Amino acid sequence: MMQRREPKILIPYFEGGVSAGVPSAAYDECEQPLDLNELLIKNPISTFFVRVEGDSMQGAGIQSGDLLIVDRSLPIEDGKVVVAVLQGEFTVKRLKKMASASIFFLIAHSTVLLR
């Protein structure tokens, strides 16, 4: 995979926060700009994006249409949400390692059944 370096695009960041209750005053100027590449991508050479299709992970807060940032350099851990390749296709599931060294992929949606 060839790595392409895009020019930095700095996004305004309002450090004062946003009220979830009583409205607060809006700021005319941002505190500092954010570089989303710097903030979200720790290992550019092993990182890619994938868009979610389907509802099986809604219970984990992952909705159909969401864009996932995947870092292949991170270790896989029991109970973590992973993006895996099964039968040649990407899938996002919660990883479950068993004592028998078996690995299962669990869904996070109460009304979706995998067969």
Protein backbone atom coordinates (compact mmCIF):
# COMPACT_ATOMS: atom_id res chain seq x y z
CA MET A 1 0.00 0.00 0.00
CA MET A 2 1.44 3.34 -1.02
CA GLN A 3 1.32 6.12 1.54
CA ARG A 4 0.08 9.45 0.25
CA ARG A 5 0.76 12.60 2.27
CA GLU A 6 -2.01 15.13 2.02
CA PRO A 7 -1.43 18.76 2.95
CA LYS A 8 -2.48 19.64 6.47
CA ILE A 9 -6.01 20.95 6.82
CA LEU A 10 -6.44 22.66 10.16
CA ILE A 11 -9.94 22.54 11.64
CA PRO A 12 -11.08 25.25 14.11
CA TYR A 13 -11.27 24.08 17.73
CA PHE A 14 -13.21 25.98 20.37
CA GLU A 15 -11.56 25.00 23.64
CA GLY A 16 -14.25 26.52 25.87
CA GLY A 17 -16.50 23.49 25.36
CA VAL A 18 -20.18 23.20 24.56
CA SER A 19 -22.94 23.20 27.13
CA ALA A 20 -25.20 20.16 27.38
CA GLY A 21 -27.56 22.05 29.67
CA VAL A 22 -27.83 25.82 29.93
CA PRO A 23 -26.57 27.53 26.74
CA SER A 24 -23.16 29.19 26.99
CA ALA A 25 -21.74 32.13 25.05
CA ALA A 26 -20.30 31.27 21.63
CA TYR A 27 -16.77 32.36 20.79
CA ASP A 28 -15.92 34.53 17.80
CA GLU A 29 -12.41 33.13 17.52
CA CYS A 30 -11.14 29.62 18.01
CA GLU A 31 -8.47 28.85 20.60
CA GLN A 32 -6.25 26.75 18.37
CA PRO A 33 -6.66 24.80 15.13
CA LEU A 34 -6.56 20.99 15.17
CA ASP A 35 -4.89 18.73 12.62
CA LEU A 36 -7.12 15.63 12.49
CA ASN A 37 -4.32 13.51 10.99
CA GLU A 38 -2.12 14.33 13.97
CA LEU A 39 -4.96 13.85 16.46
CA LEU A 40 -6.52 10.63 15.12
CA ILE A 41 -3.80 8.79 13.22
CA LYS A 42 -0.86 7.60 15.31
CA ASN A 43 0.65 5.16 12.76
CA PRO A 44 -0.05 6.50 9.24
CA ILE A 45 1.69 3.63 7.44
CA SER A 46 -0.60 1.02 9.05
CA THR A 47 -3.84 3.04 9.10
CA PHE A 48 -6.80 2.92 6.74
CA PHE A 49 -10.46 3.98 6.72
CA VAL A 50 -13.51 1.78 6.14
CA ARG A 51 -17.22 2.65 6.05
CA VAL A 52 -19.65 0.50 8.07
CA GLU A 53 -22.50 -1.27 6.28
CA GLY A 54 -25.06 -3.01 8.49
CA ASP A 55 -26.51 -2.87 11.98
CA SER A 56 -24.80 -5.69 13.89
CA MET A 57 -22.63 -3.33 16.01
CA GLN A 58 -25.22 -0.73 17.06
CA GLY A 59 -24.92 -1.87 20.67
CA ALA A 60 -21.27 -0.77 20.59
CA GLY A 61 -22.22 2.65 19.20
CA ILE A 62 -21.17 1.78 15.64
CA GLN A 63 -23.87 2.70 13.13
CA SER A 64 -24.31 1.86 9.46
CA GLY A 65 -22.59 4.63 7.48
CA ASP A 66 -19.99 5.40 10.19
CA LEU A 67 -16.41 5.85 9.04
CA LEU A 68 -13.92 3.79 11.05
CA ILE A 69 -10.22 4.56 11.41
CA VAL A 70 -8.35 1.24 11.54
CA ASP A 71 -4.77 0.95 12.81
CA ARG A 72 -3.36 -2.48 11.92
CA SER A 73 -0.36 -1.99 14.23
CA LEU A 74 -2.45 -2.19 17.42
CA PRO A 75 -2.48 -5.54 19.24
CA ILE A 76 -5.72 -7.52 19.20
CA GLU A 77 -7.18 -7.90 22.68
CA ASP A 78 -10.03 -9.94 24.11
CA GLY A 79 -13.22 -7.91 24.33
CA LYS A 80 -12.07 -5.17 21.95
CA VAL A 81 -13.86 -4.18 18.74
CA VAL A 82 -11.80 -5.22 15.72
CA VAL A 83 -11.98 -5.00 11.95
CA ALA A 84 -11.19 -8.44 10.54
CA VAL A 85 -11.18 -10.08 7.13
CA LEU A 86 -13.49 -13.11 6.98
CA GLN A 87 -13.97 -14.99 3.72
CA GLY A 88 -12.27 -12.16 1.85
CA GLU A 89 -14.48 -9.36 3.22
CA PHE A 90 -14.07 -6.82 6.01
CA THR A 91 -16.25 -7.20 9.09
CA VAL A 92 -16.36 -5.26 12.36
CA LYS A 93 -17.10 -7.32 15.49
CA ARG A 94 -16.12 -7.66 19.14
CA LEU A 95 -13.29 -10.17 19.58
CA LYS A 96 -13.68 -13.00 22.09
CA LYS A 97 -10.69 -15.24 22.82
CA MET A 98 -11.43 -18.55 24.53
CA ALA A 99 -9.09 -20.56 26.78
CA SER A 100 -9.00 -23.23 24.05
CA ALA A 101 -7.24 -20.69 21.78
CA SER A 102 -10.41 -20.38 19.70
CA ILE A 103 -11.43 -16.92 18.56
CA PHE A 104 -15.03 -15.79 18.15
CA PHE A 105 -16.43 -12.58 16.68
CA LEU A 106 -19.44 -11.28 18.60
CA ILE A 107 -22.11 -8.90 17.36
CA ALA A 108 -23.38 -6.00 19.47
CA HIS A 109 -27.05 -5.87 18.49
CA SER A 110 -29.87 -7.66 20.27
CA THR A 111 -32.03 -8.32 17.19
CA VAL A 112 -29.40 -9.42 14.66
CA LEU A 113 -28.51 -13.10 14.46
CA LEU A 114 -25.45 -14.48 12.66
CA ARG A 115 -25.69 -17.94 11.10
